[in-house]
C-alpha atoms as a PDB file:
ATOM      1  CA  MET A   1       6.023 -51.307 -72.219  1.00  0.00           C
ATOM      2  CA  ASP A   2       3.495 -48.831 -71.099  1.00  0.00           C
ATOM      3  CA  GLN A   3       0.150 -50.397 -70.935  1.00  0.00           C
ATOM      4  CA  ASP A   4      -1.684 -47.331 -71.634  1.00  0.00           C
ATOM      5  CA  MET A   5      -0.106 -46.574 -74.934  1.00  0.00           C
ATOM      6  CA  VAL A   6      -0.613 -50.315 -75.784  1.00  0.00           C
ATOM      7  CA  MET A   7      -4.579 -49.837 -75.034  1.00  0.00           C
ATOM      8  CA  LEU A   8      -4.573 -46.592 -76.826  1.00  0.00           C
ATOM      9  CA  ALA A   9      -2.978 -48.314 -79.901  1.00  0.00           C
ATOM     10  CA  LYS A  10      -5.599 -51.010 -79.875  1.00  0.00           C
ATOM     11  CA  VAL A  11      -8.542 -48.338 -79.384  1.00  0.00           C
ATOM     12  CA  ARG A  12      -7.357 -46.326 -82.403  1.00  0.00           C
ATOM     13  CA  LEU A  13      -7.065 -49.421 -84.572  1.00  0.00           C
ATOM     14  CA  LEU A  14     -10.559 -50.632 -83.636  1.00  0.00           C
ATOM     15  CA  SER A  15     -12.019 -47.239 -84.010  1.00  0.00           C
ATOM     16  CA  ALA A  16     -10.644 -46.800 -87.525  1.00  0.00           C
ATOM     17  CA  ASN A  17     -13.104 -49.855 -88.426  1.00  0.00           C
ATOM     18  CA  ARG A  18     -10.736 -51.016 -91.207  1.00  0.00           C
ATOM     19  CA  ARG A  19      -8.737 -54.118 -91.619  1.00  0.00           C
ATOM     20  CA  VAL A  20      -5.467 -52.422 -92.181  1.00  0.00           C
ATOM     21  CA  VAL A  21      -4.888 -48.708 -90.996  1.00  0.00           C
ATOM     22  CA  ARG A  22      -2.350 -46.983 -93.130  1.00  0.00           C
ATOM     23  CA  GLY A  23      -0.059 -43.922 -92.869  1.00  0.00           C
ATOM     24  CA  THR A  24       1.279 -42.555 -89.782  1.00  0.00           C
ATOM     25  CA  GLU A  25      -1.289 -43.544 -87.543  1.00  0.00           C
ATOM     26  CA  GLY A  26      -0.995 -47.274 -88.566  1.00  0.00           C
ATOM     27  CA  LEU A  27       2.988 -47.020 -88.319  1.00  0.00           C
ATOM     28  CA  TRP A  28       2.602 -45.718 -84.705  1.00  0.00           C
ATOM     29  CA  ALA A  29       0.022 -48.209 -83.834  1.00  0.00           C
ATOM     30  CA  TYR A  30       1.479 -51.357 -85.547  1.00  0.00           C
ATOM     31  CA  ARG A  31       5.215 -50.472 -84.552  1.00  0.00           C
ATOM     32  CA  LEU A  32       4.125 -50.084 -80.727  1.00  0.00           C
ATOM     33  CA  LEU A  33       1.854 -53.396 -80.993  1.00  0.00           C
ATOM     34  CA  THR A  34       4.551 -55.205 -82.894  1.00  0.00           C
ATOM     35  CA  ARG A  35       6.815 -55.131 -79.914  1.00  0.00           C
ATOM     36  CA  VAL A  36       4.134 -56.555 -77.536  1.00  0.00           C
ATOM     37  CA  GLU A  37       2.365 -59.165 -80.042  1.00  0.00           C
ATOM     38  CA  PRO A  38       4.667 -59.590 -83.248  1.00  0.00           C
ATOM     39  CA  GLU A  39       2.722 -62.554 -84.741  1.00  0.00           C
ATOM     40  CA  VAL A  40      -0.311 -60.645 -84.517  1.00  0.00           C
ATOM     41  CA  TYR A  41       0.837 -57.103 -85.743  1.00  0.00           C
ATOM     42  CA  GLY A  42       4.003 -57.667 -87.401  1.00  0.00           C
ATOM     43  CA  SER A  43       2.819 -58.676 -90.952  1.00  0.00           C
ATOM     44  CA  LYS A  44       0.327 -55.554 -90.804  1.00  0.00           C
ATOM     45  CA  LEU A  45       3.383 -53.536 -89.891  1.00  0.00           C
ATOM     46  CA  ALA A  46       5.186 -54.828 -92.688  1.00  0.00           C
ATOM     47  CA  TYR A  47       2.298 -54.271 -94.982  1.00  0.00           C
ATOM     48  CA  VAL A  48       1.978 -50.654 -94.031  1.00  0.00           C
ATOM     49  CA  LEU A  49       5.751 -49.800 -94.210  1.00  0.00           C
ATOM     50  CA  VAL A  50       6.038 -51.093 -97.747  1.00  0.00           C
ATOM     51  CA  GLU A  51       2.585 -48.891 -98.473  1.00  0.00           C
ATOM     52  CA  GLU A  52       4.189 -45.832 -96.766  1.00  0.00           C
ATOM     53  CA  SER A  53       7.556 -46.309 -98.829  1.00  0.00           C
ATOM     54  CA  ARG A  54       5.465 -45.591-101.975  1.00  0.00           C
ATOM     55  CA  SER A  55       3.705 -42.478-100.314  1.00  0.00           C
ATOM     56  CA  PRO A  56       4.292 -38.820-101.987  1.00  0.00           C
ATOM     57  CA  SER A  57       5.940 -37.687 -98.746  1.00  0.00           C
ATOM     58  CA  VAL A  58       9.022 -39.854 -99.133  1.00  0.00           C
ATOM     59  CA  ARG A  59       9.096 -40.298-102.858  1.00  0.00           C
ATOM     60  CA  GLU A  60      12.148 -38.038-103.167  1.00  0.00           C
ATOM     61  CA  LEU A  61      13.892 -39.252-100.116  1.00  0.00           C
ATOM     62  CA  PRO A  62      15.574 -42.532-101.470  1.00  0.00           C
ATOM     63  CA  GLU A  63      17.159 -43.096 -98.112  1.00  0.00           C
ATOM     64  CA  ARG A  64      13.931 -42.855 -96.143  1.00  0.00           C
ATOM     65  CA  ARG A  65      12.147 -45.406 -98.520  1.00  0.00           C
ATOM     66  CA  LEU A  66      15.000 -47.635 -98.217  1.00  0.00           C
ATOM     67  CA  ALA A  67      14.946 -47.662 -94.283  1.00  0.00           C
ATOM     68  CA  LEU A  68      11.074 -48.404 -94.687  1.00  0.00           C
ATOM     69  CA  LEU A  69      11.654 -51.136 -96.976  1.00  0.00           C
ATOM     70  CA  ASP A  70      14.506 -52.782 -94.694  1.00  0.00           C
ATOM     71  CA  GLU A  71      12.380 -52.462 -91.860  1.00  0.00           C
ATOM     72  CA  ALA A  72       9.545 -54.166 -93.532  1.00  0.00           C
ATOM     73  CA  VAL A  73      11.935 -57.021 -94.536  1.00  0.00           C
ATOM     74  CA  GLU A  74      13.439 -57.103 -91.062  1.00  0.00           C
ATOM     75  CA  VAL A  75       9.941 -57.373 -89.295  1.00  0.00           C
ATOM     76  CA  ALA A  76       8.627 -59.898 -92.053  1.00  0.00           C
ATOM     77  CA  LYS A  77      11.605 -62.416 -91.505  1.00  0.00           C
ATOM     78  CA  ALA A  78      11.217 -62.110 -87.726  1.00  0.00           C
ATOM     79  CA  LEU A  79       7.499 -63.745 -88.086  1.00  0.00           C
ATOM     80  CA  ASP A  80       7.459 -67.314 -87.220  1.00  0.00           C
ATOM     81  CA  THR A  81       7.637 -69.470 -90.237  1.00  0.00           C
ATOM     82  CA  ALA A  82       4.227 -71.201 -89.326  1.00  0.00           C
ATOM     83  CA  ASN A  83       2.456 -67.352 -89.606  1.00  0.00           C
ATOM     84  CA  PRO A  84      -0.126 -67.565 -92.528  1.00  0.00           C
ATOM     85  CA  TYR A  85       1.226 -64.031 -93.728  1.00  0.00           C
ATOM     86  CA  ARG A  86       4.809 -64.295 -93.446  1.00  0.00           C
ATOM     87  CA  GLU A  87       5.596 -65.360 -96.894  1.00  0.00           C
ATOM     88  CA  LYS A  88       3.416 -62.944 -98.369  1.00  0.00           C
ATOM     89  CA  VAL A  89       4.415 -59.878 -96.860  1.00  0.00           C
ATOM     90  CA  LEU A  90       8.070 -61.140 -96.872  1.00  0.00           C
ATOM     91  CA  ARG A  91       8.017 -61.458-100.590  1.00  0.00           C
ATOM     92  CA  ARG A  92       5.890 -58.015-101.133  1.00  0.00           C
ATOM     93  CA  ALA A  93       8.731 -56.393 -98.979  1.00  0.00           C
ATOM     94  CA  LEU A  94      11.669 -57.738-100.815  1.00  0.00           C
ATOM     95  CA  GLU A  95      10.241 -57.124-104.394  1.00  0.00           C
ATOM     96  CA  ALA A  96       9.485 -53.611-103.240  1.00  0.00           C
ATOM     97  CA  ARG A  97      13.113 -53.192-101.978  1.00  0.00           C
ATOM     98  CA  ALA A  98      14.583 -55.027-105.234  1.00  0.00           C
ATOM     99  CA  ARG A  99      12.742 -52.479-107.428  1.00  0.00           C
ATOM    100  CA  LEU A 100      13.962 -49.507-105.364  1.00  0.00           C
ATOM    101  CA  GLY A 101      17.692 -50.664-105.829  1.00  0.00           C
ATOM    102  CA  SER A 102      16.943 -51.111-109.842  1.00  0.00           C
END
């Protein structure tokens, strides 16, 4: 893993001055950082993936929405069962996935 990219992702998250950074910036940073520290950033990645699946940019792209939600479920399931956010983000991702399939 490129440590400069990891540092850049952390700086961007910190400079955003928000608890969760959404959109493409958040997706990029959380995807990168989840590979390095999955228990720290995985729940935020799953959250942002579900948010992105509702964005206007993918509203008319059901395959893309499904891919985002499948990724969110996969990330949430990979979290340790002791992670305090695991159940919440997993439930949220599964519910969004079920609504899409309806």
